[in-house]
Amino acid sequence: MKKLIILTLLAVSPFAFADNAADELLSAQAAYRDALKAQSTGSNRIAALQSELSAAQARLKQAQADVVGLQEKLREETAAQTQADSTLQAASKRLDAAWKAARSTSK
């Protein structure tokens, strides 16, 4: 009886090993596909992030140029306002002097 069991086990063992090898092959293939998919997904995310970063850097560069332009316009407008204030002050003094002169000649 022992011999029969041993012979049966020996006869079935190659099939068991073959099944284990086939299962391992299928498992390894699935793991490889999963790893490949993860790598591809990661590569796609990296490419998208690089693209977003490049666009953000371009927007930043444009914003910095806008800031410089606005600062220059502000300086120009401030200078023009200072000139307008001076002109108004001079016109006010002239008007005051003319008013005083007109009043003193009418007396």
Protein backbone atom coordinates (compact mmCIF):
# COMPACT_ATOMS: atom_id res chain seq x y z
CA MET A 1 0.00 0.00 0.00
CA LYS A 2 2.81 2.38 0.84
CA LYS A 3 4.41 1.63 -2.51
CA LEU A 4 1.17 2.45 -4.29
CA ILE A 5 0.86 5.79 -2.47
CA ILE A 6 4.47 6.64 -3.20
CA LEU A 7 4.09 5.71 -6.86
CA THR A 8 0.92 7.76 -7.10
CA LEU A 9 2.60 10.76 -5.49
CA LEU A 10 5.57 10.46 -7.81
CA ALA A 11 3.29 10.21 -10.81
CA VAL A 12 1.25 13.26 -9.76
CA SER A 13 4.21 15.38 -8.63
CA PRO A 14 5.31 16.55 -12.10
CA PHE A 15 1.76 17.76 -12.77
CA ALA A 16 1.70 19.53 -9.44
CA PHE A 17 5.01 21.19 -10.24
CA ALA A 18 3.74 22.03 -13.70
CA ASP A 19 0.61 23.59 -12.22
CA ASN A 20 2.72 25.54 -9.73
CA ALA A 21 5.04 26.71 -12.52
CA ALA A 22 2.10 27.73 -14.70
CA ASP A 23 0.48 29.55 -11.79
CA GLU A 24 3.78 31.31 -11.04
CA LEU A 25 4.14 32.27 -14.70
CA LEU A 26 0.65 33.74 -14.76
CA SER A 27 1.25 35.54 -11.49
CA ALA A 28 4.59 36.90 -12.70
CA GLN A 29 2.98 38.11 -15.93
CA ALA A 30 0.22 39.85 -14.01
CA ALA A 31 2.75 41.48 -11.69
CA TYR A 32 4.80 42.62 -14.70
CA ARG A 33 1.71 44.12 -16.38
CA ASP A 34 0.78 45.92 -13.15
CA ALA A 35 4.30 47.31 -12.76
CA LEU A 36 4.37 48.39 -16.41
CA LYS A 37 1.00 50.11 -16.03
CA ALA A 38 2.19 51.90 -12.86
CA GLN A 39 5.36 53.03 -14.63
CA SER A 40 3.37 54.30 -17.61
CA THR A 41 0.91 56.11 -15.33
CA GLY A 42 3.80 57.67 -13.41
CA SER A 43 5.49 58.76 -16.63
CA ASN A 44 2.27 60.35 -17.84
CA ARG A 45 1.82 62.19 -14.53
CA ILE A 46 5.40 63.45 -14.68
CA ALA A 47 4.91 64.72 -18.24
CA ALA A 48 1.68 66.47 -17.22
CA LEU A 49 3.32 68.07 -14.18
CA GLN A 50 6.27 69.25 -16.28
CA SER A 51 3.83 70.80 -18.73
CA GLU A 52 1.89 72.50 -15.93
CA LEU A 53 5.13 73.76 -14.38
CA SER A 54 6.29 75.19 -17.70
CA ALA A 55 2.96 76.96 -18.19
CA ALA A 56 3.06 78.34 -14.63
CA GLN A 57 6.60 79.60 -15.15
CA ALA A 58 5.50 81.35 -18.36
CA ARG A 59 2.57 82.95 -16.49
CA LEU A 60 4.93 84.03 -13.71
CA LYS A 61 7.33 85.58 -16.21
CA GLN A 62 4.43 87.45 -17.84
CA ALA A 63 3.14 88.58 -14.44
CA GLN A 64 6.60 89.86 -13.50
CA ALA A 65 6.76 91.79 -16.79
CA ASP A 66 3.30 93.21 -16.05
CA VAL A 67 4.47 94.32 -12.58
CA VAL A 68 7.50 96.08 -14.05
CA GLY A 69 5.28 97.78 -16.65
CA LEU A 70 2.76 98.89 -14.04
CA GLN A 71 5.53 100.22 -11.79
CA GLU A 72 6.85 102.32 -14.69
CA LYS A 73 3.35 103.61 -15.51
CA LEU A 74 2.83 104.44 -11.84
CA ARG A 75 6.09 106.41 -11.77
CA GLU A 76 5.05 108.28 -14.91
CA GLU A 77 1.57 109.03 -13.57
CA THR A 78 2.98 110.12 -10.21
CA ALA A 79 5.38 112.49 -11.97
CA ALA A 80 2.53 113.83 -14.12
CA GLN A 81 0.38 114.30 -11.00
CA THR A 82 3.21 116.15 -9.26
CA GLN A 83 3.53 118.40 -12.32
CA ALA A 84 -0.24 118.94 -12.38
CA ASP A 85 -0.17 119.82 -8.66
CA SER A 86 2.60 122.36 -9.27
CA THR A 87 0.74 123.85 -12.22
CA LEU A 88 -2.45 124.10 -10.15
CA GLN A 89 -0.58 125.74 -7.27
CA ALA A 90 1.00 128.28 -9.63
CA ALA A 91 -2.39 128.97 -11.28
CA SER A 92 -3.94 129.37 -7.83
CA LYS A 93 -1.29 131.92 -6.83
CA ARG A 94 -1.75 133.76 -10.11
CA LEU A 95 -5.53 133.81 -9.67
CA ASP A 96 -5.16 135.04 -6.10
CA ALA A 97 -2.80 137.79 -7.19
CA ALA A 98 -5.09 138.80 -10.04
CA TRP A 99 -8.08 138.82 -7.70
CA LYS A 100 -6.22 141.01 -5.22
CA ALA A 101 -5.11 143.33 -8.00
CA ALA A 102 -8.63 143.58 -9.38
CA ARG A 103 -10.03 144.34 -5.95
CA SER A 104 -7.44 146.97 -5.17
CA THR A 105 -8.01 148.83 -8.45
CA SER A 106 -11.74 148.83 -7.95
CA LYS A 107 -11.49 150.58 -4.60
